[in-house]
N, C-alpha and C. Protein backbone atom coordinates (compact mmCIF):
# COMPACT_ATOMS: atom_id res chain seq x y z
N MET A 1 -22.08 -7.31 20.33
CA MET A 1 -21.47 -6.00 20.38
C MET A 1 -20.81 -5.67 19.02
N LYS A 2 -21.10 -4.54 18.47
CA LYS A 2 -20.55 -4.14 17.18
C LYS A 2 -19.14 -3.65 17.35
N ALA A 3 -18.29 -4.01 16.35
CA ALA A 3 -16.93 -3.49 16.35
C ALA A 3 -16.98 -2.00 16.04
N LYS A 4 -15.92 -1.32 16.54
CA LYS A 4 -15.85 0.13 16.28
C LYS A 4 -15.91 0.52 14.82
N ASN A 5 -15.18 -0.31 14.00
CA ASN A 5 -15.09 0.09 12.59
C ASN A 5 -16.40 -0.07 11.80
N ASN A 6 -17.40 -0.73 12.41
CA ASN A 6 -18.71 -0.80 11.79
C ASN A 6 -19.43 0.55 11.70
N LYS A 7 -18.87 1.53 12.51
CA LYS A 7 -19.48 2.90 12.47
C LYS A 7 -18.95 3.72 11.33
N PHE A 8 -18.02 3.15 10.57
CA PHE A 8 -17.44 3.88 9.45
C PHE A 8 -17.79 3.23 8.19
N THR A 9 -17.87 4.07 7.11
CA THR A 9 -18.27 3.49 5.88
C THR A 9 -17.14 2.60 5.27
N GLU A 10 -17.53 1.83 4.30
CA GLU A 10 -16.57 0.97 3.63
C GLU A 10 -15.46 1.77 2.94
N THR A 11 -15.91 2.95 2.37
CA THR A 11 -14.97 3.84 1.73
C THR A 11 -13.99 4.39 2.76
N GLN A 12 -14.43 4.80 3.92
CA GLN A 12 -13.54 5.32 4.93
C GLN A 12 -12.52 4.26 5.41
N GLN A 13 -13.04 3.03 5.53
CA GLN A 13 -12.16 1.90 5.97
C GLN A 13 -11.10 1.62 4.88
N LEU A 14 -11.48 1.69 3.63
CA LEU A 14 -10.58 1.36 2.55
C LEU A 14 -9.51 2.49 2.47
N ILE A 15 -9.92 3.77 2.52
CA ILE A 15 -8.95 4.86 2.49
C ILE A 15 -7.95 4.72 3.62
N SER A 16 -8.46 4.35 4.80
CA SER A 16 -7.56 4.18 5.98
C SER A 16 -6.59 3.03 5.74
N LYS A 17 -7.05 1.92 5.21
CA LYS A 17 -6.19 0.76 4.93
C LYS A 17 -5.09 1.07 3.97
N PHE A 18 -5.46 1.82 2.83
CA PHE A 18 -4.43 2.19 1.86
C PHE A 18 -3.52 3.25 2.42
N ALA A 19 -4.04 4.21 3.15
CA ALA A 19 -3.20 5.28 3.68
C ALA A 19 -2.17 4.69 4.70
N ASN A 20 -2.66 3.74 5.46
CA ASN A 20 -1.76 3.09 6.45
C ASN A 20 -0.62 2.37 5.71
N ALA A 21 -0.89 1.70 4.66
CA ALA A 21 0.12 1.03 3.86
C ALA A 21 1.14 1.98 3.23
N LEU A 22 0.64 3.21 2.94
CA LEU A 22 1.45 4.24 2.31
C LEU A 22 2.24 5.07 3.36
N ALA A 23 2.03 4.80 4.60
CA ALA A 23 2.55 5.72 5.64
C ALA A 23 4.02 5.40 6.05
N ASN A 24 4.76 4.87 5.18
CA ASN A 24 6.16 4.56 5.47
C ASN A 24 6.99 4.78 4.22
N PRO A 25 8.09 5.51 4.31
CA PRO A 25 8.93 5.71 3.07
C PRO A 25 9.51 4.47 2.40
N VAL A 26 9.79 3.44 3.21
CA VAL A 26 10.22 2.20 2.69
C VAL A 26 9.12 1.60 1.78
N ARG A 27 7.91 1.62 2.22
CA ARG A 27 6.82 1.04 1.40
C ARG A 27 6.55 1.86 0.17
N ILE A 28 6.70 3.16 0.27
CA ILE A 28 6.58 4.01 -0.92
C ILE A 28 7.69 3.64 -1.92
N SER A 29 8.90 3.41 -1.42
CA SER A 29 10.06 3.00 -2.33
C SER A 29 9.75 1.67 -2.99
N ILE A 30 9.20 0.74 -2.25
CA ILE A 30 8.86 -0.57 -2.74
C ILE A 30 7.82 -0.43 -3.88
N LEU A 31 6.77 0.40 -3.62
CA LEU A 31 5.72 0.61 -4.64
C LEU A 31 6.29 1.27 -5.91
N GLU A 32 7.20 2.23 -5.73
CA GLU A 32 7.79 2.91 -6.87
C GLU A 32 8.62 1.91 -7.69
N LEU A 33 9.39 1.08 -7.02
CA LEU A 33 10.15 0.06 -7.73
C LEU A 33 9.28 -0.90 -8.51
N LEU A 34 8.19 -1.37 -7.85
CA LEU A 34 7.31 -2.31 -8.50
C LEU A 34 6.50 -1.67 -9.57
N ALA A 35 6.17 -0.38 -9.47
CA ALA A 35 5.37 0.29 -10.50
C ALA A 35 6.18 0.47 -11.78
N ASP A 36 7.51 0.51 -11.66
CA ASP A 36 8.37 0.69 -12.83
C ASP A 36 8.64 -0.65 -13.57
N ARG A 37 8.23 -1.74 -13.00
CA ARG A 37 8.56 -3.09 -13.50
C ARG A 37 7.26 -3.90 -13.57
N SER A 38 7.33 -4.93 -14.36
CA SER A 38 6.14 -5.87 -14.39
C SER A 38 6.13 -6.74 -13.15
N CYS A 39 7.32 -7.02 -12.58
CA CYS A 39 7.39 -7.79 -11.33
C CYS A 39 8.81 -7.67 -10.81
N CYS A 40 8.99 -8.14 -9.64
CA CYS A 40 10.31 -8.07 -8.98
C CYS A 40 10.37 -9.16 -7.91
N TYR A 41 11.56 -9.82 -7.85
CA TYR A 41 11.79 -10.82 -6.87
C TYR A 41 12.23 -10.21 -5.53
N HIS A 42 11.94 -10.92 -4.45
CA HIS A 42 12.28 -10.45 -3.13
C HIS A 42 13.79 -10.09 -3.03
N GLY A 43 14.59 -10.97 -3.59
CA GLY A 43 16.06 -10.73 -3.57
C GLY A 43 16.43 -9.49 -4.29
N ASP A 44 15.80 -9.21 -5.43
CA ASP A 44 16.10 -8.01 -6.18
C ASP A 44 15.71 -6.76 -5.40
N LEU A 45 14.60 -6.80 -4.75
CA LEU A 45 14.16 -5.67 -3.88
C LEU A 45 15.12 -5.46 -2.71
N SER A 46 15.58 -6.60 -2.15
CA SER A 46 16.51 -6.53 -1.04
C SER A 46 17.85 -5.91 -1.45
N ALA A 47 18.22 -6.19 -2.64
CA ALA A 47 19.50 -5.63 -3.18
C ALA A 47 19.40 -4.10 -3.40
N GLU A 48 18.25 -3.62 -3.73
CA GLU A 48 18.05 -2.20 -4.04
C GLU A 48 17.66 -1.34 -2.83
N LEU A 49 17.19 -1.95 -1.78
CA LEU A 49 16.78 -1.10 -0.62
C LEU A 49 17.72 -1.33 0.57
N PRO A 50 18.09 -0.25 1.24
CA PRO A 50 19.00 -0.30 2.33
C PRO A 50 18.41 -0.78 3.67
N ILE A 51 17.78 -1.94 3.59
CA ILE A 51 17.13 -2.49 4.84
C ILE A 51 17.39 -4.02 4.88
N ALA A 52 17.25 -4.55 6.05
CA ALA A 52 17.41 -6.01 6.27
C ALA A 52 16.31 -6.78 5.58
N ASN A 53 16.59 -8.01 5.24
CA ASN A 53 15.58 -8.90 4.56
C ASN A 53 14.32 -9.04 5.43
N SER A 54 14.55 -9.21 6.73
CA SER A 54 13.38 -9.39 7.60
C SER A 54 12.50 -8.12 7.61
N THR A 55 13.15 -6.95 7.59
CA THR A 55 12.39 -5.74 7.55
C THR A 55 11.65 -5.58 6.24
N LEU A 56 12.30 -5.97 5.19
CA LEU A 56 11.67 -5.91 3.86
C LEU A 56 10.46 -6.82 3.85
N SER A 57 10.56 -8.01 4.39
CA SER A 57 9.45 -8.93 4.41
C SER A 57 8.27 -8.36 5.21
N GLN A 58 8.57 -7.65 6.28
CA GLN A 58 7.48 -7.03 7.07
C GLN A 58 6.74 -5.93 6.22
N HIS A 59 7.47 -5.18 5.54
CA HIS A 59 6.89 -4.11 4.68
C HIS A 59 6.09 -4.74 3.53
N LEU A 60 6.65 -5.75 2.93
CA LEU A 60 5.91 -6.43 1.85
C LEU A 60 4.56 -7.02 2.34
N LYS A 61 4.63 -7.52 3.57
CA LYS A 61 3.42 -8.13 4.20
C LYS A 61 2.30 -7.04 4.39
N VAL A 62 2.76 -5.84 4.84
CA VAL A 62 1.78 -4.71 4.97
C VAL A 62 1.16 -4.35 3.61
N LEU A 63 2.03 -4.23 2.67
CA LEU A 63 1.52 -3.81 1.32
C LEU A 63 0.60 -4.96 0.73
N LYS A 64 0.94 -6.20 0.96
CA LYS A 64 0.17 -7.32 0.46
C LYS A 64 -1.17 -7.36 1.16
N ASP A 65 -1.13 -7.22 2.53
CA ASP A 65 -2.39 -7.26 3.34
C ASP A 65 -3.30 -6.08 2.92
N ALA A 66 -2.78 -4.95 2.55
CA ALA A 66 -3.60 -3.83 2.07
C ALA A 66 -4.07 -4.05 0.65
N GLY A 67 -3.51 -5.05 -0.02
CA GLY A 67 -4.01 -5.38 -1.37
C GLY A 67 -3.31 -4.54 -2.45
N LEU A 68 -2.30 -3.75 -2.13
CA LEU A 68 -1.66 -2.93 -3.16
C LEU A 68 -0.62 -3.75 -3.97
N ILE A 69 -0.12 -4.81 -3.43
CA ILE A 69 0.71 -5.72 -4.17
C ILE A 69 0.24 -7.15 -4.06
N GLN A 70 0.74 -7.97 -5.01
CA GLN A 70 0.43 -9.40 -4.92
C GLN A 70 1.72 -10.14 -5.14
N GLY A 71 1.75 -11.37 -4.59
CA GLY A 71 3.00 -12.13 -4.68
C GLY A 71 2.67 -13.52 -5.22
N GLU A 72 3.75 -14.09 -5.81
CA GLU A 72 3.65 -15.46 -6.33
C GLU A 72 4.91 -16.20 -5.75
N ILE A 73 4.59 -17.22 -4.98
CA ILE A 73 5.67 -17.97 -4.33
C ILE A 73 6.03 -19.22 -5.16
N ASN A 74 7.22 -19.26 -5.64
CA ASN A 74 7.77 -20.44 -6.31
C ASN A 74 9.10 -20.75 -5.64
N PRO A 75 9.11 -21.55 -4.62
CA PRO A 75 10.31 -21.75 -3.81
C PRO A 75 11.48 -22.02 -4.75
N PRO A 76 12.63 -21.43 -4.49
CA PRO A 76 12.98 -20.65 -3.30
C PRO A 76 12.71 -19.13 -3.51
N LYS A 77 12.05 -18.72 -4.56
CA LYS A 77 11.86 -17.31 -4.84
C LYS A 77 10.40 -16.87 -4.69
N THR A 78 10.26 -15.58 -4.30
CA THR A 78 8.92 -15.01 -4.25
C THR A 78 8.93 -13.78 -5.15
N LYS A 79 8.01 -13.70 -6.07
CA LYS A 79 7.89 -12.58 -7.02
C LYS A 79 6.76 -11.72 -6.61
N TYR A 80 6.98 -10.41 -6.69
CA TYR A 80 5.92 -9.43 -6.29
C TYR A 80 5.67 -8.54 -7.51
N CYS A 81 4.36 -8.04 -7.51
CA CYS A 81 4.01 -7.03 -8.51
C CYS A 81 2.86 -6.20 -7.98
N ILE A 82 2.59 -5.06 -8.60
CA ILE A 82 1.45 -4.24 -8.24
C ILE A 82 0.16 -4.98 -8.51
N ASN A 83 -0.77 -4.85 -7.59
CA ASN A 83 -2.15 -5.41 -7.88
C ASN A 83 -2.91 -4.26 -8.61
N PRO A 84 -3.07 -4.40 -9.92
CA PRO A 84 -3.61 -3.29 -10.69
C PRO A 84 -5.04 -2.88 -10.27
N GLU A 85 -5.83 -3.85 -9.92
CA GLU A 85 -7.24 -3.55 -9.54
C GLU A 85 -7.25 -2.67 -8.26
N ASN A 86 -6.51 -3.09 -7.22
CA ASN A 86 -6.52 -2.30 -5.98
C ASN A 86 -5.70 -1.05 -6.12
N TRP A 87 -4.69 -1.02 -6.99
CA TRP A 87 -3.94 0.20 -7.26
C TRP A 87 -4.94 1.28 -7.82
N GLY A 88 -5.74 0.86 -8.72
CA GLY A 88 -6.72 1.81 -9.32
C GLY A 88 -7.77 2.21 -8.30
N LEU A 89 -8.23 1.29 -7.44
CA LEU A 89 -9.14 1.63 -6.41
C LEU A 89 -8.55 2.61 -5.42
N ALA A 90 -7.33 2.37 -5.01
CA ALA A 90 -6.66 3.27 -4.04
C ALA A 90 -6.50 4.68 -4.63
N ARG A 91 -6.08 4.68 -5.87
CA ARG A 91 -5.91 5.95 -6.57
C ARG A 91 -7.23 6.74 -6.65
N GLY A 92 -8.24 6.09 -7.02
CA GLY A 92 -9.55 6.77 -7.09
C GLY A 92 -10.03 7.25 -5.75
N LEU A 93 -9.89 6.40 -4.74
CA LEU A 93 -10.39 6.75 -3.40
C LEU A 93 -9.60 7.91 -2.81
N LEU A 94 -8.25 7.89 -2.96
CA LEU A 94 -7.50 8.98 -2.43
C LEU A 94 -7.61 10.27 -3.22
N THR A 95 -7.75 10.17 -4.50
CA THR A 95 -8.01 11.29 -5.31
C THR A 95 -9.36 11.95 -4.93
N GLY A 96 -10.34 11.14 -4.81
CA GLY A 96 -11.66 11.63 -4.39
C GLY A 96 -11.63 12.28 -3.04
N PHE A 97 -10.91 11.67 -2.14
CA PHE A 97 -10.82 12.24 -0.75
C PHE A 97 -10.15 13.59 -0.80
N PHE A 98 -9.07 13.74 -1.51
CA PHE A 98 -8.32 15.01 -1.57
C PHE A 98 -9.00 16.05 -2.52
N ASP A 99 -9.88 15.63 -3.29
CA ASP A 99 -10.63 16.53 -4.20
C ASP A 99 -11.81 17.18 -3.47
N LYS A 100 -12.12 16.72 -2.24
CA LYS A 100 -13.23 17.30 -1.51
C LYS A 100 -13.01 18.81 -1.37
N LYS A 101 -14.04 19.55 -1.51
CA LYS A 101 -14.02 21.00 -1.34
C LYS A 101 -13.80 21.27 0.23
N ILE A 102 -12.89 22.12 0.57
CA ILE A 102 -12.72 22.49 1.94
C ILE A 102 -13.14 23.92 2.14
N TYR A 103 -13.59 24.20 3.29
CA TYR A 103 -14.03 25.54 3.59
C TYR A 103 -12.90 26.29 4.28
N SER A 104 -12.48 27.37 3.72
CA SER A 104 -11.38 28.14 4.29
C SER A 104 -11.87 29.16 5.31
N TYR A 105 -11.46 29.02 6.45
CA TYR A 105 -11.66 29.95 7.53
C TYR A 105 -10.62 29.82 8.58
N LYS A 106 -10.46 30.85 9.37
CA LYS A 106 -9.40 30.84 10.42
C LYS A 106 -9.84 29.83 11.47
N CYS A 107 -8.96 29.03 11.90
CA CYS A 107 -9.23 28.03 12.88
C CYS A 107 -8.37 28.32 14.13
N ASP A 108 -8.74 29.43 14.79
CA ASP A 108 -8.02 29.91 15.92
C ASP A 108 -8.59 29.36 17.22
């Protein structure tokens, strides 16, 4: 039996994955902080964001699973940075998606 997501293109699935990762203001804040720096440690992010460490970890996991960030674990510290390859991919896919021509008509 085929999984439901096999009915969708790879592009549709990637846009969905990136959009889901972007669907929270905390994750947007994390990405903005990381985009302004070459890297950032978990503790530094925790000091700048008004959320608990456990909540921060959950948001970092979503971003990492989506491929928008990458981490380097050197106990006791974990360093995060933007994944430039996937950042560019997400940018291109989302731009392409929103650049699609739409047909204007009343939708009553």
